Amino acid sequence: MVLVEGPSGLLAAWETEGQVYFGRVDPETLCVPQPVAAPGVGRGRKHPVPAVNPRGEVLFAWTEGTGWQRGGDLVWQRYAANGQPLGTLDRKPGAIAVWGLPATLATSDGDFLLYH
């Protein structure tokens, strides 16, 4: 699980049964009332990492196909502040090295950086 702070509060990301999710944390209940699943069928998705820009948009990245002593694909989707996907799902096959993980960063001008 990962927690990041954004302009509208805390955002959580996690993996459950091969699918990755993110959502805003309700400050009163500390629950995520409306989780957003990564698009498509979730098989072997792991290591979710979100970033939130000053407009509340989210860059959500994760790995697919990684495992013990095995790298995999880097996959990401950008979302509007309301949780709706922006554009299409992007993938960079083989971008995650053995024992590697992705990292995301929102810049002050509203752009995103994705490291792998």
Protein backbone atom coordinates (compact mmCIF):
# COMPACT_ATOMS: atom_id res chain seq x y z
CA MET A 1 0.00 0.00 0.00
CA VAL A 2 1.11 3.56 -0.76
CA LEU A 3 -0.20 6.86 0.61
CA VAL A 4 0.39 10.25 -1.07
CA GLU A 5 -0.91 13.70 -0.28
CA GLY A 6 -2.66 15.83 -2.88
CA PRO A 7 -4.58 19.10 -2.98
CA SER A 8 -7.82 17.40 -1.90
CA GLY A 9 -6.33 15.18 0.78
CA LEU A 10 -4.78 11.76 1.07
CA LEU A 11 -4.73 9.26 -1.79
CA ALA A 12 -4.17 5.53 -1.23
CA ALA A 13 -3.06 2.86 -3.72
CA TRP A 14 -2.93 -0.90 -3.17
CA GLU A 15 -2.93 -4.32 -4.83
CA THR A 16 -5.49 -7.05 -4.21
CA GLU A 17 -5.64 -10.40 -5.99
CA GLY A 18 -3.63 -9.26 -9.01
CA GLN A 19 -5.46 -5.95 -9.54
CA VAL A 20 -4.32 -2.46 -8.46
CA TYR A 21 -6.54 0.32 -7.12
CA PHE A 22 -6.36 3.90 -5.92
CA GLY A 23 -8.77 6.26 -4.22
CA ARG A 24 -9.14 9.25 -1.96
CA VAL A 25 -9.12 8.54 1.76
CA ASP A 26 -12.12 9.87 3.69
CA PRO A 27 -10.57 11.89 6.56
CA GLU A 28 -13.35 10.93 8.98
CA THR A 29 -13.57 7.17 8.37
CA LEU A 30 -10.04 6.61 7.00
CA CYS A 31 -11.64 4.41 4.32
CA VAL A 32 -11.61 4.71 0.53
CA PRO A 33 -15.32 4.96 -0.35
CA GLN A 34 -14.84 4.95 -4.15
CA PRO A 35 -11.80 2.89 -5.21
CA VAL A 36 -10.74 3.13 -8.85
CA ALA A 37 -9.39 -0.07 -10.43
CA ALA A 38 -6.76 0.09 -13.15
CA PRO A 39 -8.47 -0.42 -16.52
CA GLY A 40 -8.71 -3.84 -18.12
CA VAL A 41 -8.31 -7.27 -16.66
CA GLY A 42 -6.02 -7.35 -13.65
CA ARG A 43 -3.62 -10.27 -13.80
CA GLY A 44 -0.31 -10.04 -12.03
CA ARG A 45 -0.50 -6.31 -11.38
CA LYS A 46 1.69 -5.16 -8.50
CA HIS A 47 3.51 -2.22 -6.96
CA PRO A 48 0.99 0.60 -7.58
CA VAL A 49 2.30 4.16 -7.27
CA PRO A 50 0.20 7.30 -7.72
CA ALA A 51 1.15 10.96 -7.97
CA VAL A 52 -1.28 13.89 -7.69
CA ASN A 53 -0.67 17.24 -9.38
CA PRO A 54 -1.91 20.65 -8.14
CA ARG A 55 -5.10 20.28 -10.26
CA GLY A 56 -5.95 16.99 -8.54
CA GLU A 57 -5.13 14.88 -11.61
CA VAL A 58 -3.55 11.50 -10.90
CA LEU A 59 -0.82 9.58 -12.66
CA PHE A 60 -1.27 5.95 -11.59
CA ALA A 61 1.52 3.50 -12.47
CA TRP A 62 2.09 -0.17 -11.65
CA THR A 63 4.00 -3.25 -12.77
CA GLU A 64 2.78 -6.33 -14.60
CA GLY A 65 4.53 -9.66 -14.83
CA THR A 66 7.12 -8.99 -12.13
CA GLY A 67 8.06 -11.72 -9.69
CA TRP A 68 10.88 -13.29 -7.77
CA GLN A 69 14.07 -12.57 -9.75
CA ARG A 70 11.95 -11.42 -12.71
CA GLY A 71 11.35 -7.95 -14.14
CA GLY A 72 8.26 -6.99 -16.09
CA ASP A 73 6.25 -4.27 -17.77
CA LEU A 74 5.66 -0.71 -16.63
CA VAL A 75 2.03 0.35 -17.11
CA TRP A 76 0.33 3.68 -16.37
CA GLN A 77 -2.87 5.64 -16.79
CA ARG A 78 -3.60 9.31 -16.19
CA TYR A 79 -6.87 10.31 -14.46
CA ALA A 80 -8.85 13.54 -14.12
CA ALA A 81 -9.52 14.90 -10.62
CA ASN A 82 -12.93 13.18 -10.69
CA GLY A 83 -11.33 9.74 -11.24
CA GLN A 84 -12.16 9.44 -14.95
CA PRO A 85 -9.36 8.18 -17.25
CA LEU A 86 -7.59 10.74 -19.44
CA GLY A 87 -6.28 9.33 -22.71
CA THR A 88 -5.34 5.70 -23.07
CA LEU A 89 -3.50 3.17 -20.98
CA ASP A 90 0.25 3.25 -21.66
CA ARG A 91 2.72 0.38 -21.41
CA LYS A 92 6.46 0.00 -21.71
CA PRO A 93 7.21 -3.74 -22.04
CA GLY A 94 10.24 -4.98 -20.11
CA ALA A 95 10.93 -1.58 -18.52
CA ILE A 96 11.03 -2.90 -14.96
CA ALA A 97 14.34 -4.53 -14.14
CA VAL A 98 14.72 -7.47 -11.78
CA TRP A 99 13.99 -6.12 -8.26
CA GLY A 100 13.00 -2.77 -9.83
CA LEU A 101 9.97 -0.63 -9.00
CA PRO A 102 8.32 2.39 -10.62
CA ALA A 103 8.15 5.82 -8.98
CA THR A 104 5.92 8.77 -9.85
CA LEU A 105 6.25 12.49 -9.18
CA ALA A 106 3.96 15.46 -9.82
CA THR A 107 5.69 18.71 -10.71
CA SER A 108 4.57 22.16 -9.53
CA ASP A 109 3.51 23.07 -13.09
CA GLY A 110 1.03 20.16 -13.20
CA ASP A 111 3.08 17.70 -15.23
CA PHE A 112 4.20 14.24 -14.11
CA LEU A 113 7.46 12.33 -14.10
CA LEU A 114 7.59 8.54 -14.18
CA TYR A 115 10.81 6.79 -13.16
CA HIS A 116 11.67 3.16 -13.67
